[in-house]
Amino acid sequence: MSVKKTRQHCEFADGALELLRTCPALTRHNFLELLAVVLGEKRVMRLILTAETYRCVQRFCIQNNLAQDHSVRKQAPSVRSATGDTFTVSVEWDDPRGEYFAVVIGRSRYDVQRALELENSDASFQAFGELYQIPRCCVEAYEDLEQGGEWISTYLRRSSRESHGSIYSNRLGVLFDGSTFLPDFFPCRIDCRYAEDLGRRYESLLIRFGADAYLKQARTSLSAPIIVHSGSLLQLCESRQNGSLLEFDSDKVRVVCWNSSLPADNIFRQASAVLTSEQRFRFLGNDRVLIDMPVELLDNRVLTFREN
């Protein structure tokens, strides 16, 4: 019996990944939440879709006996970030600004309709946080985003210079290759214990679904250190750590620009190592110091993520 259940789980996971491939608007966050809904770890999940992508999701839900329905109002983009995140505001269904609408998925129609009641009444983000099981500290931090803050800056400012993250609370890793152990929300900081606990729970779902390839890729990517430098995030793939020294191959570094574009002649491209000590940040290359700057919350810092 357990073998049959495992096979069913694997088939569902494969189908969910295929849904992601056919609907590029969906993310790995959404994939994890689908697994959680199927196993009863999460009662409902929320997607923001267009009419075209909604048809794909409808078919998937019918095939997998999941309940779904959409809001009576649409969502209009209010802020589009450099990293591809789109924040929306609620508008009337016939408002020409409304590009998207909310879709709620669950195992029971009752749970879906209860969630849509909140959606259709423009409930507060605090109410949504409780419904979708987001840690309270992260919900409170979201107020900064509601007031126009940018999420990466908020995430970094709330993470002290001395803090070390966990692969389970690493929200930045998803920007490089889609890897994540988190559902779709913004942790308050890189070392949030409640976000870490949630990430571990979602990792256990992946194990139950036999998603071995995803697990291997995610652990490798999410454990890679990230440098914050000149408005960009630099993920040090295949780096080697010796105390405070990180050696890397600049050709293997992944770059995401979140505040400004990284110039082609930026000094990091000449570097082969980064050293942080006594609140100083140094790029090293060719046996010399290329830059020596103070460590700041939003610039010239190294973020590390433990695996255990």
C-alpha atoms as a PDB file:
ATOM      1  CA  MET A   1       0.000   0.000   0.000  1.00  0.00           C
ATOM      2  CA  SER A   2       2.788   2.427   0.880  1.00  0.00           C
ATOM      3  CA  VAL A   3       4.470   1.736  -2.486  1.00  0.00           C
ATOM      4  CA  LYS A   4       1.261   2.654  -4.322  1.00  0.00           C
ATOM      5  CA  LYS A   5       0.934   5.860  -2.294  1.00  0.00           C
ATOM      6  CA  THR A   6       4.529   6.789  -3.033  1.00  0.00           C
ATOM      7  CA  ARG A   7       3.953   6.186  -6.758  1.00  0.00           C
ATOM      8  CA  GLN A   8       0.875   8.420  -6.667  1.00  0.00           C
ATOM      9  CA  HIS A   9       2.890  11.120  -4.927  1.00  0.00           C
ATOM     10  CA  CYS A  10       5.648  10.898  -7.515  1.00  0.00           C
ATOM     11  CA  GLU A  11       3.118  11.134 -10.358  1.00  0.00           C
ATOM     12  CA  PHE A  12       1.533  14.191  -8.747  1.00  0.00           C
ATOM     13  CA  ALA A  13       4.923  15.865  -8.275  1.00  0.00           C
ATOM     14  CA  ASP A  14       5.817  15.169 -11.915  1.00  0.00           C
ATOM     15  CA  GLY A  15       2.485  16.641 -12.997  1.00  0.00           C
ATOM     16  CA  ALA A  16       3.019  19.730 -10.846  1.00  0.00           C
ATOM     17  CA  LEU A  17       6.484  20.282 -12.337  1.00  0.00           C
ATOM     18  CA  GLU A  18       5.002  19.909 -15.828  1.00  0.00           C
ATOM     19  CA  LEU A  19       2.431  22.569 -14.884  1.00  0.00           C
ATOM     20  CA  LEU A  20       5.289  24.890 -13.978  1.00  0.00           C
ATOM     21  CA  ARG A  21       6.921  24.252 -17.345  1.00  0.00           C
ATOM     22  CA  THR A  22       3.725  25.067 -19.262  1.00  0.00           C
ATOM     23  CA  CYS A  23       2.849  28.075 -17.070  1.00  0.00           C
ATOM     24  CA  PRO A  24       6.036  30.139 -16.633  1.00  0.00           C
ATOM     25  CA  ALA A  25       4.198  32.542 -14.295  1.00  0.00           C
ATOM     26  CA  LEU A  26       4.148  29.803 -11.647  1.00  0.00           C
ATOM     27  CA  THR A  27       7.182  29.359  -9.407  1.00  0.00           C
ATOM     28  CA  ARG A  28       8.888  26.708  -7.294  1.00  0.00           C
ATOM     29  CA  HIS A  29       7.167  28.348  -4.312  1.00  0.00           C
ATOM     30  CA  ASN A  30       3.858  27.393  -5.917  1.00  0.00           C
ATOM     31  CA  PHE A  31       5.124  23.863  -6.610  1.00  0.00           C
ATOM     32  CA  LEU A  32       5.914  23.359  -2.920  1.00  0.00           C
ATOM     33  CA  GLU A  33       2.530  24.692  -1.878  1.00  0.00           C
ATOM     34  CA  LEU A  34       0.757  22.308  -4.233  1.00  0.00           C
ATOM     35  CA  LEU A  35       2.552  19.414  -2.536  1.00  0.00           C
ATOM     36  CA  ALA A  36       1.539  20.772   0.878  1.00  0.00           C
ATOM     37  CA  VAL A  37      -2.121  21.090  -0.129  1.00  0.00           C
ATOM     38  CA  VAL A  38      -2.259  17.535  -1.477  1.00  0.00           C
ATOM     39  CA  LEU A  39      -0.776  16.106   1.738  1.00  0.00           C
ATOM     40  CA  GLY A  40      -3.022  18.222   3.956  1.00  0.00           C
ATOM     41  CA  GLU A  41      -0.112  20.234   5.382  1.00  0.00           C
ATOM     42  CA  LYS A  42      -1.735  23.380   4.009  1.00  0.00           C
ATOM     43  CA  ARG A  43      -5.485  23.898   3.646  1.00  0.00           C
ATOM     44  CA  VAL A  44      -5.380  26.452   0.832  1.00  0.00           C
ATOM     45  CA  MET A  45      -2.911  28.205  -1.424  1.00  0.00           C
ATOM     46  CA  ARG A  46      -3.174  31.405  -3.457  1.00  0.00           C
ATOM     47  CA  LEU A  47      -2.029  32.121  -7.007  1.00  0.00           C
ATOM     48  CA  ILE A  48      -2.115  35.329  -9.034  1.00  0.00           C
ATOM     49  CA  LEU A  49      -2.948  34.363 -12.619  1.00  0.00           C
ATOM     50  CA  THR A  50      -4.024  35.660 -16.003  1.00  0.00           C
ATOM     51  CA  ALA A  51      -6.998  34.210 -17.880  1.00  0.00           C
ATOM     52  CA  GLU A  52      -4.621  32.131 -20.020  1.00  0.00           C
ATOM     53  CA  THR A  53      -2.668  30.595 -17.134  1.00  0.00           C
ATOM     54  CA  TYR A  54      -5.891  30.037 -15.193  1.00  0.00           C
ATOM     55  CA  ARG A  55      -7.080  27.573 -17.839  1.00  0.00           C
ATOM     56  CA  CYS A  56      -3.930  25.462 -17.314  1.00  0.00           C
ATOM     57  CA  VAL A  57      -4.407  25.495 -13.541  1.00  0.00           C
ATOM     58  CA  GLN A  58      -8.084  24.587 -13.880  1.00  0.00           C
ATOM     59  CA  ARG A  59      -7.209  21.500 -15.923  1.00  0.00           C
ATOM     60  CA  PHE A  60      -4.549  20.464 -13.424  1.00  0.00           C
ATOM     61  CA  CYS A  61      -6.962  20.794 -10.486  1.00  0.00           C
ATOM     62  CA  ILE A  62      -9.659  18.762 -12.250  1.00  0.00           C
ATOM     63  CA  GLN A  63      -7.157  16.014 -13.044  1.00  0.00           C
ATOM     64  CA  ASN A  64      -6.034  15.866  -9.402  1.00  0.00           C
ATOM     65  CA  ASN A  65      -9.388  16.309  -7.629  1.00  0.00           C
ATOM     66  CA  LEU A  66      -8.495  19.703  -6.183  1.00  0.00           C
ATOM     67  CA  ALA A  67     -11.053  22.437  -5.571  1.00  0.00           C
ATOM     68  CA  GLN A  68     -10.363  25.886  -7.017  1.00  0.00           C
ATOM     69  CA  ASP A  69     -12.098  29.172  -7.729  1.00  0.00           C
ATOM     70  CA  HIS A  70     -11.156  32.764  -8.472  1.00  0.00           C
ATOM     71  CA  SER A  71     -11.824  36.149  -6.885  1.00  0.00           C
ATOM     72  CA  VAL A  72     -14.562  38.551  -7.998  1.00  0.00           C
ATOM     73  CA  ARG A  73     -12.002  41.365  -8.263  1.00  0.00           C
ATOM     74  CA  LYS A  74      -8.845  41.665 -10.314  1.00  0.00           C
ATOM     75  CA  GLN A  75      -5.298  42.648  -9.414  1.00  0.00           C
ATOM     76  CA  ALA A  76      -3.505  45.582 -11.045  1.00  0.00           C
ATOM     77  CA  PRO A  77       0.309  45.873 -10.919  1.00  0.00           C
ATOM     78  CA  SER A  78       1.478  48.566  -8.513  1.00  0.00           C
ATOM     79  CA  VAL A  79       5.219  47.838  -8.352  1.00  0.00           C
ATOM     80  CA  ARG A  80       7.385  45.683 -10.606  1.00  0.00           C
ATOM     81  CA  SER A  81      10.797  45.028  -9.075  1.00  0.00           C
ATOM     82  CA  ALA A  82      14.083  44.578 -10.943  1.00  0.00           C
ATOM     83  CA  THR A  83      14.107  40.943  -9.784  1.00  0.00           C
ATOM     84  CA  GLY A  84      10.789  40.159 -11.491  1.00  0.00           C
ATOM     85  CA  ASP A  85       8.469  40.344  -8.487  1.00  0.00           C
ATOM     86  CA  THR A  86       5.174  42.110  -9.121  1.00  0.00           C
ATOM     87  CA  PHE A  87       3.169  43.647  -6.273  1.00  0.00           C
ATOM     88  CA  THR A  88      -0.503  44.304  -6.982  1.00  0.00           C
ATOM     89  CA  VAL A  89      -3.532  46.200  -5.722  1.00  0.00           C
ATOM     90  CA  SER A  90      -7.152  45.068  -5.901  1.00  0.00           C
ATOM     91  CA  VAL A  91      -9.421  46.689  -8.553  1.00  0.00           C
ATOM     92  CA  GLU A  92     -12.884  46.022  -9.980  1.00  0.00           C
ATOM     93  CA  TRP A  93     -13.157  43.113 -12.441  1.00  0.00           C
ATOM     94  CA  ASP A  94     -13.817  45.374 -15.437  1.00  0.00           C
ATOM     95  CA  ASP A  95     -11.016  47.834 -14.582  1.00  0.00           C
ATOM     96  CA  PRO A  96      -8.689  47.894 -17.635  1.00  0.00           C
ATOM     97  CA  ARG A  97      -5.672  47.974 -15.316  1.00  0.00           C
ATOM     98  CA  GLY A  98      -6.554  44.543 -13.964  1.00  0.00           C
ATOM     99  CA  GLU A  99      -4.115  42.101 -15.588  1.00  0.00           C
ATOM    100  CA  TYR A 100      -4.465  39.325 -13.016  1.00  0.00           C
ATOM    101  CA  PHE A 101      -6.845  37.784 -10.511  1.00  0.00           C
ATOM    102  CA  ALA A 102      -6.451  35.661  -7.418  1.00  0.00           C
ATOM    103  CA  VAL A 103      -7.085  31.913  -7.571  1.00  0.00           C
ATOM    104  CA  VAL A 104      -7.419  29.811  -4.424  1.00  0.00           C
ATOM    105  CA  ILE A 105      -6.735  26.051  -4.477  1.00  0.00           C
ATOM    106  CA  GLY A 106      -7.570  23.577  -1.726  1.00  0.00           C
ATOM    107  CA  ARG A 107      -8.709  20.040  -1.052  1.00  0.00           C
ATOM    108  CA  SER A 108     -12.221  21.130  -0.071  1.00  0.00           C
ATOM    109  CA  ARG A 109     -14.548  23.638  -1.699  1.00  0.00           C
ATOM    110  CA  TYR A 110     -15.507  24.884   1.764  1.00  0.00           C
ATOM    111  CA  ASP A 111     -11.915  25.941   2.541  1.00  0.00           C
ATOM    112  CA  VAL A 112     -11.589  27.568  -0.883  1.00  0.00           C
ATOM    113  CA  GLN A 113     -14.774  29.593  -0.445  1.00  0.00           C
ATOM    114  CA  ARG A 114     -13.753  30.742   3.038  1.00  0.00           C
ATOM    115  CA  ALA A 115     -10.433  31.961   1.639  1.00  0.00           C
ATOM    116  CA  LEU A 116     -12.195  33.750  -1.217  1.00  0.00           C
ATOM    117  CA  GLU A 117     -14.436  35.554   1.254  1.00  0.00           C
ATOM    118  CA  LEU A 118     -11.295  37.189   2.634  1.00  0.00           C
ATOM    119  CA  GLU A 119     -10.023  37.832  -0.885  1.00  0.00           C
ATOM    120  CA  ASN A 120     -13.246  39.462  -2.023  1.00  0.00           C
ATOM    121  CA  SER A 121     -13.544  41.653   1.062  1.00  0.00           C
ATOM    122  CA  ASP A 122     -10.034  43.148   0.659  1.00  0.00           C
ATOM    123  CA  ALA A 123      -8.922  41.765   4.022  1.00  0.00           C
ATOM    124  CA  SER A 124      -5.695  42.988   5.618  1.00  0.00           C
ATOM    125  CA  PHE A 125      -2.346  41.373   4.887  1.00  0.00           C
ATOM    126  CA  GLN A 126      -2.333  40.266   8.538  1.00  0.00           C
ATOM    127  CA  ALA A 127      -5.487  38.214   7.926  1.00  0.00           C
ATOM    128  CA  PHE A 128      -3.951  36.697   4.789  1.00  0.00           C
ATOM    129  CA  GLY A 129      -0.788  35.860   6.725  1.00  0.00           C
ATOM    130  CA  GLU A 130      -2.759  33.890   9.292  1.00  0.00           C
ATOM    131  CA  LEU A 131      -4.833  32.105   6.638  1.00  0.00           C
ATOM    132  CA  TYR A 132      -1.800  31.028   4.598  1.00  0.00           C
ATOM    133  CA  GLN A 133       0.230  30.017   7.669  1.00  0.00           C
ATOM    134  CA  ILE A 134       2.996  32.605   7.369  1.00  0.00           C
ATOM    135  CA  PRO A 135       5.130  33.207  10.512  1.00  0.00           C
ATOM    136  CA  ARG A 136       3.818  36.168  12.488  1.00  0.00           C
ATOM    137  CA  CYS A 137       7.183  37.951  12.584  1.00  0.00           C
ATOM    138  CA  CYS A 138       7.343  37.792   8.786  1.00  0.00           C
ATOM    139  CA  VAL A 139       3.792  39.115   8.487  1.00  0.00           C
ATOM    140  CA  GLU A 140       4.724  42.062  10.709  1.00  0.00           C
ATOM    141  CA  ALA A 141       7.811  42.742   8.579  1.00  0.00           C
ATOM    142  CA  TYR A 142       5.622  42.752   5.458  1.00  0.00           C
ATOM    143  CA  GLU A 143       4.193  46.089   6.587  1.00  0.00           C
ATOM    144  CA  ASP A 144       7.394  47.703   5.275  1.00  0.00           C
ATOM    145  CA  LEU A 145       6.547  46.330   1.816  1.00  0.00           C
ATOM    146  CA  GLU A 146       2.942  47.483   2.109  1.00  0.00           C
ATOM    147  CA  GLN A 147       4.310  50.993   2.625  1.00  0.00           C
ATOM    148  CA  GLY A 148       6.390  50.804  -0.546  1.00  0.00           C
ATOM    149  CA  GLY A 149       9.575  49.157   0.675  1.00  0.00           C
ATOM    150  CA  GLU A 150      11.602  46.888  -1.607  1.00  0.00           C
ATOM    151  CA  TRP A 151      11.789  43.321  -0.301  1.00  0.00           C
ATOM    152  CA  ILE A 152      15.499  42.592  -0.773  1.00  0.00           C
ATOM    153  CA  SER A 153      16.508  45.806   1.000  1.00  0.00           C
ATOM    154  CA  THR A 154      14.054  45.042   3.796  1.00  0.00           C
ATOM    155  CA  TYR A 155      15.337  41.465   4.117  1.00  0.00           C
ATOM    156  CA  LEU A 156      18.961  42.639   4.299  1.00  0.00           C
ATOM    157  CA  ARG A 157      18.349  45.549   6.668  1.00  0.00           C
ATOM    158  CA  ARG A 158      16.631  43.229   9.136  1.00  0.00           C
ATOM    159  CA  SER A 159      19.555  40.779   8.952  1.00  0.00           C
ATOM    160  CA  SER A 160      22.445  41.927  11.142  1.00  0.00           C
ATOM    161  CA  ARG A 161      25.984  41.983   9.744  1.00  0.00           C
ATOM    162  CA  GLU A 162      26.898  39.090  12.036  1.00  0.00           C
ATOM    163  CA  SER A 163      23.909  36.876  11.226  1.00  0.00           C
ATOM    164  CA  HIS A 164      24.250  33.588   9.349  1.00  0.00           C
ATOM    165  CA  GLY A 165      21.310  32.163   7.457  1.00  0.00           C
ATOM    166  CA  SER A 166      19.999  28.691   6.818  1.00  0.00           C
ATOM    167  CA  ILE A 167      19.335  27.076   3.462  1.00  0.00           C
ATOM    168  CA  TYR A 168      15.751  26.711   4.708  1.00  0.00           C
ATOM    169  CA  SER A 169      15.212  30.457   5.225  1.00  0.00           C
ATOM    170  CA  ASN A 170      17.248  31.549   2.180  1.00  0.00           C
ATOM    171  CA  ARG A 171      14.786  33.645   0.149  1.00  0.00           C
ATOM    172  CA  LEU A 172      17.482  35.046  -2.152  1.00  0.00           C
ATOM    173  CA  GLY A 173      18.517  31.730  -3.705  1.00  0.00           C
ATOM    174  CA  VAL A 174      15.298  31.517  -5.723  1.00  0.00           C
ATOM    175  CA  LEU A 175      16.410  34.549  -7.751  1.00  0.00           C
ATOM    176  CA  PHE A 176      19.301  32.638  -9.316  1.00  0.00           C
ATOM    177  CA  ASP A 177      17.829  29.308 -10.418  1.00  0.00           C
ATOM    178  CA  GLY A 178      14.399  29.000  -8.786  1.00  0.00           C
ATOM    179  CA  SER A 179      15.627  26.897  -5.852  1.00  0.00           C
ATOM    180  CA  THR A 180      13.693  27.253  -2.600  1.00  0.00           C
ATOM    181  CA  PHE A 181      12.349  25.319   0.370  1.00  0.00           C
ATOM    182  CA  LEU A 182       9.828  28.056   1.178  1.00  0.00           C
ATOM    183  CA  PRO A 183       6.243  28.739   0.136  1.00  0.00           C
ATOM    184  CA  ASP A 184       5.455  32.093  -1.457  1.00  0.00           C
ATOM    185  CA  PHE A 185       6.184  34.694   1.220  1.00  0.00           C
ATOM    186  CA  PHE A 186       8.992  37.004   2.339  1.00  0.00           C
ATOM    187  CA  PRO A 187      10.885  35.964   5.497  1.00  0.00           C
ATOM    188  CA  CYS A 188      11.698  38.836   7.818  1.00  0.00           C
ATOM    189  CA  ARG A 189      15.468  38.105   7.832  1.00  0.00           C
ATOM    190  CA  ILE A 190      18.008  35.505   6.717  1.00  0.00           C
ATOM    191  CA  ASP A 191      18.143  33.822  10.133  1.00  0.00           C
ATOM    192  CA  CYS A 192      14.416  33.764  10.925  1.00  0.00           C
ATOM    193  CA  ARG A 193      13.921  30.612  13.029  1.00  0.00           C
ATOM    194  CA  TYR A 194      10.237  30.309  12.138  1.00  0.00           C
ATOM    195  CA  ALA A 195      10.946  30.544   8.406  1.00  0.00           C
ATOM    196  CA  GLU A 196      13.678  27.930   8.867  1.00  0.00           C
ATOM    197  CA  ASP A 197      11.255  25.571  10.624  1.00  0.00           C
ATOM    198  CA  LEU A 198       8.781  26.055   7.786  1.00  0.00           C
ATOM    199  CA  GLY A 199      11.477  25.363   5.185  1.00  0.00           C
ATOM    200  CA  ARG A 200      12.391  22.110   6.941  1.00  0.00           C
ATOM    201  CA  ARG A 201       8.740  21.032   6.858  1.00  0.00           C
ATOM    202  CA  TYR A 202       8.581  21.666   3.124  1.00  0.00           C
ATOM    203  CA  GLU A 203      11.822  19.764   2.590  1.00  0.00           C
ATOM    204  CA  SER A 204      10.186  16.771   4.308  1.00  0.00           C
ATOM    205  CA  LEU A 205       7.315  17.019   1.796  1.00  0.00           C
ATOM    206  CA  LEU A 206       9.799  16.816  -1.068  1.00  0.00           C
ATOM    207  CA  ILE A 207      11.330  13.727   0.515  1.00  0.00           C
ATOM    208  CA  ARG A 208       7.887  12.113   0.813  1.00  0.00           C
ATOM    209  CA  PHE A 209       7.212  12.866  -2.847  1.00  0.00           C
ATOM    210  CA  GLY A 210      10.538  11.366  -3.906  1.00  0.00           C
ATOM    211  CA  ALA A 211      11.732  14.629  -5.492  1.00  0.00           C
ATOM    212  CA  ASP A 212      15.389  13.617  -5.223  1.00  0.00           C
ATOM    213  CA  ALA A 213      16.660  15.657  -8.175  1.00  0.00           C
ATOM    214  CA  TYR A 214      14.978  18.817  -6.889  1.00  0.00           C
ATOM    215  CA  LEU A 215      16.326  18.242  -3.370  1.00  0.00           C
ATOM    216  CA  LYS A 216      19.894  17.834  -4.603  1.00  0.00           C
ATOM    217  CA  GLN A 217      19.756  20.952  -6.776  1.00  0.00           C
ATOM    218  CA  ALA A 218      18.104  23.054  -4.059  1.00  0.00           C
ATOM    219  CA  ARG A 219      20.555  22.060  -1.320  1.00  0.00           C
ATOM    220  CA  THR A 220      23.532  22.827  -3.566  1.00  0.00           C
ATOM    221  CA  SER A 221      22.194  26.191  -4.724  1.00  0.00           C
ATOM    222  CA  LEU A 222      20.792  27.412  -1.398  1.00  0.00           C
ATOM    223  CA  SER A 223      24.025  26.642   0.469  1.00  0.00           C
ATOM    224  CA  ALA A 224      26.142  28.778  -1.886  1.00  0.00           C
ATOM    225  CA  PRO A 225      27.347  32.034  -0.256  1.00  0.00           C
ATOM    226  CA  ILE A 226      25.984  35.292  -1.660  1.00  0.00           C
ATOM    227  CA  ILE A 227      27.908  38.553  -1.903  1.00  0.00           C
ATOM    228  CA  VAL A 228      25.968  41.834  -1.744  1.00  0.00           C
ATOM    229  CA  HIS A 229      27.971  44.291  -3.831  1.00  0.00           C
ATOM    230  CA  SER A 230      27.253  47.433  -5.864  1.00  0.00           C
ATOM    231  CA  GLY A 231      23.494  46.863  -6.065  1.00  0.00           C
ATOM    232  CA  SER A 232      23.869  43.248  -7.180  1.00  0.00           C
ATOM    233  CA  LEU A 233      23.769  39.799  -5.624  1.00  0.00           C
ATOM    234  CA  LEU A 234      26.614  37.422  -6.504  1.00  0.00           C
ATOM    235  CA  GLN A 235      26.065  33.718  -5.824  1.00  0.00           C
ATOM    236  CA  LEU A 236      29.399  31.957  -5.378  1.00  0.00           C
ATOM    237  CA  CYS A 237      28.800  28.571  -6.951  1.00  0.00           C
ATOM    238  CA  GLU A 238      31.407  25.910  -6.182  1.00  0.00           C
ATOM    239  CA  SER A 239      33.255  28.219  -3.791  1.00  0.00           C
ATOM    240  CA  ARG A 240      35.701  26.999  -1.136  1.00  0.00           C
ATOM    241  CA  GLN A 241      35.664  28.383   2.398  1.00  0.00           C
ATOM    242  CA  ASN A 242      38.593  28.633   4.801  1.00  0.00           C
ATOM    243  CA  GLY A 243      37.508  30.557   7.871  1.00  0.00           C
ATOM    244  CA  SER A 244      36.593  34.085   6.760  1.00  0.00           C
ATOM    245  CA  LEU A 245      38.135  33.547   3.321  1.00  0.00           C
ATOM    246  CA  LEU A 246      35.997  32.415   0.376  1.00  0.00           C
ATOM    247  CA  GLU A 247      37.745  31.386  -2.840  1.00  0.00           C
ATOM    248  CA  PHE A 248      35.759  31.340  -6.073  1.00  0.00           C
ATOM    249  CA  ASP A 249      35.943  31.301  -9.848  1.00  0.00           C
ATOM    250  CA  SER A 250      34.394  34.549 -11.112  1.00  0.00           C
ATOM    251  CA  ASP A 251      33.305  32.790 -14.333  1.00  0.00           C
ATOM    252  CA  LYS A 252      31.045  30.517 -12.258  1.00  0.00           C
ATOM    253  CA  VAL A 253      29.468  33.329 -10.220  1.00  0.00           C
ATOM    254  CA  ARG A 254      25.762  33.955 -10.854  1.00  0.00           C
ATOM    255  CA  VAL A 255      24.739  37.614 -10.836  1.00  0.00           C
ATOM    256  CA  VAL A 256      21.334  39.144 -10.114  1.00  0.00           C
ATOM    257  CA  CYS A 257      20.955  42.925 -10.296  1.00  0.00           C
ATOM    258  CA  TRP A 258      18.422  44.197  -7.795  1.00  0.00           C
ATOM    259  CA  ASN A 259      19.320  47.842  -7.216  1.00  0.00           C
ATOM    260  CA  SER A 260      21.640  48.695 -10.106  1.00  0.00           C
ATOM    261  CA  SER A 261      23.408  46.937 -12.965  1.00  0.00           C
ATOM    262  CA  LEU A 262      26.876  45.581 -12.297  1.00  0.00           C
ATOM    263  CA  PRO A 263      29.367  47.164 -14.737  1.00  0.00           C
ATOM    264  CA  ALA A 264      31.277  44.763 -16.967  1.00  0.00           C
ATOM    265  CA  ASP A 265      34.549  46.094 -15.539  1.00  0.00           C
ATOM    266  CA  ASN A 266      33.534  45.740 -11.880  1.00  0.00           C
ATOM    267  CA  ILE A 267      36.497  44.796  -9.729  1.00  0.00           C
ATOM    268  CA  PHE A 268      34.919  41.522  -8.598  1.00  0.00           C
ATOM    269  CA  ARG A 269      35.561  40.079 -12.093  1.00  0.00           C
ATOM    270  CA  GLN A 270      39.292  40.289 -11.366  1.00  0.00           C
ATOM    271  CA  ALA A 271      38.929  38.673  -7.951  1.00  0.00           C
ATOM    272  CA  SER A 272      39.468  35.067  -6.946  1.00  0.00           C
ATOM    273  CA  ALA A 273      38.587  35.408  -3.255  1.00  0.00           C
ATOM    274  CA  VAL A 274      36.694  37.548  -0.766  1.00  0.00           C
ATOM    275  CA  LEU A 275      37.725  38.103   2.849  1.00  0.00           C
ATOM    276  CA  THR A 276      35.546  39.575   5.588  1.00  0.00           C
ATOM    277  CA  SER A 277      37.107  40.324   8.977  1.00  0.00           C
ATOM    278  CA  GLU A 278      36.787  43.060  11.587  1.00  0.00           C
ATOM    279  CA  GLN A 279      33.855  44.545   9.660  1.00  0.00           C
ATOM    280  CA  ARG A 280      35.988  44.995   6.539  1.00  0.00           C
ATOM    281  CA  PHE A 281      35.213  43.572   3.090  1.00  0.00           C
ATOM    282  CA  ARG A 282      38.095  42.766   0.753  1.00  0.00           C
ATOM    283  CA  PHE A 283      38.225  41.366  -2.770  1.00  0.00           C
ATOM    284  CA  LEU A 284      41.518  39.577  -3.389  1.00  0.00           C
ATOM    285  CA  GLY A 285      43.169  38.667  -6.676  1.00  0.00           C
ATOM    286  CA  ASN A 286      46.670  38.065  -8.021  1.00  0.00           C
ATOM    287  CA  ASP A 287      48.052  38.046  -4.467  1.00  0.00           C
ATOM    288  CA  ARG A 288      46.846  41.555  -3.711  1.00  0.00           C
ATOM    289  CA  VAL A 289      43.890  43.412  -2.202  1.00  0.00           C
ATOM    290  CA  LEU A 290      41.654  44.781  -4.975  1.00  0.00           C
ATOM    291  CA  ILE A 291      39.243  46.685  -2.740  1.00  0.00           C
ATOM    292  CA  ASP A 292      38.974  47.226   1.011  1.00  0.00           C
ATOM    293  CA  MET A 293      35.612  48.615   2.153  1.00  0.00           C
ATOM    294  CA  PRO A 294      33.547  48.629   5.348  1.00  0.00           C
ATOM    295  CA  VAL A 295      30.867  45.951   5.644  1.00  0.00           C
ATOM    296  CA  GLU A 296      27.396  47.509   5.322  1.00  0.00           C
ATOM    297  CA  LEU A 297      23.888  46.074   5.525  1.00  0.00           C
ATOM    298  CA  LEU A 298      23.159  46.777   1.846  1.00  0.00           C
ATOM    299  CA  ASP A 299      26.632  46.648   0.339  1.00  0.00           C
ATOM    300  CA  ASN A 300      29.932  44.809   0.628  1.00  0.00           C
ATOM    301  CA  ARG A 301      28.793  41.920   2.787  1.00  0.00           C
ATOM    302  CA  VAL A 302      28.857  38.132   2.512  1.00  0.00           C
ATOM    303  CA  LEU A 303      25.803  36.031   3.374  1.00  0.00           C
ATOM    304  CA  THR A 304      26.343  32.388   4.296  1.00  0.00           C
ATOM    305  CA  PHE A 305      23.731  29.658   4.698  1.00  0.00           C
ATOM    306  CA  ARG A 306      24.244  26.546   6.821  1.00  0.00           C
ATOM    307  CA  GLU A 307      22.795  23.187   5.804  1.00  0.00           C
ATOM    308  CA  ASN A 308      21.994  21.698   9.221  1.00  0.00           C
END
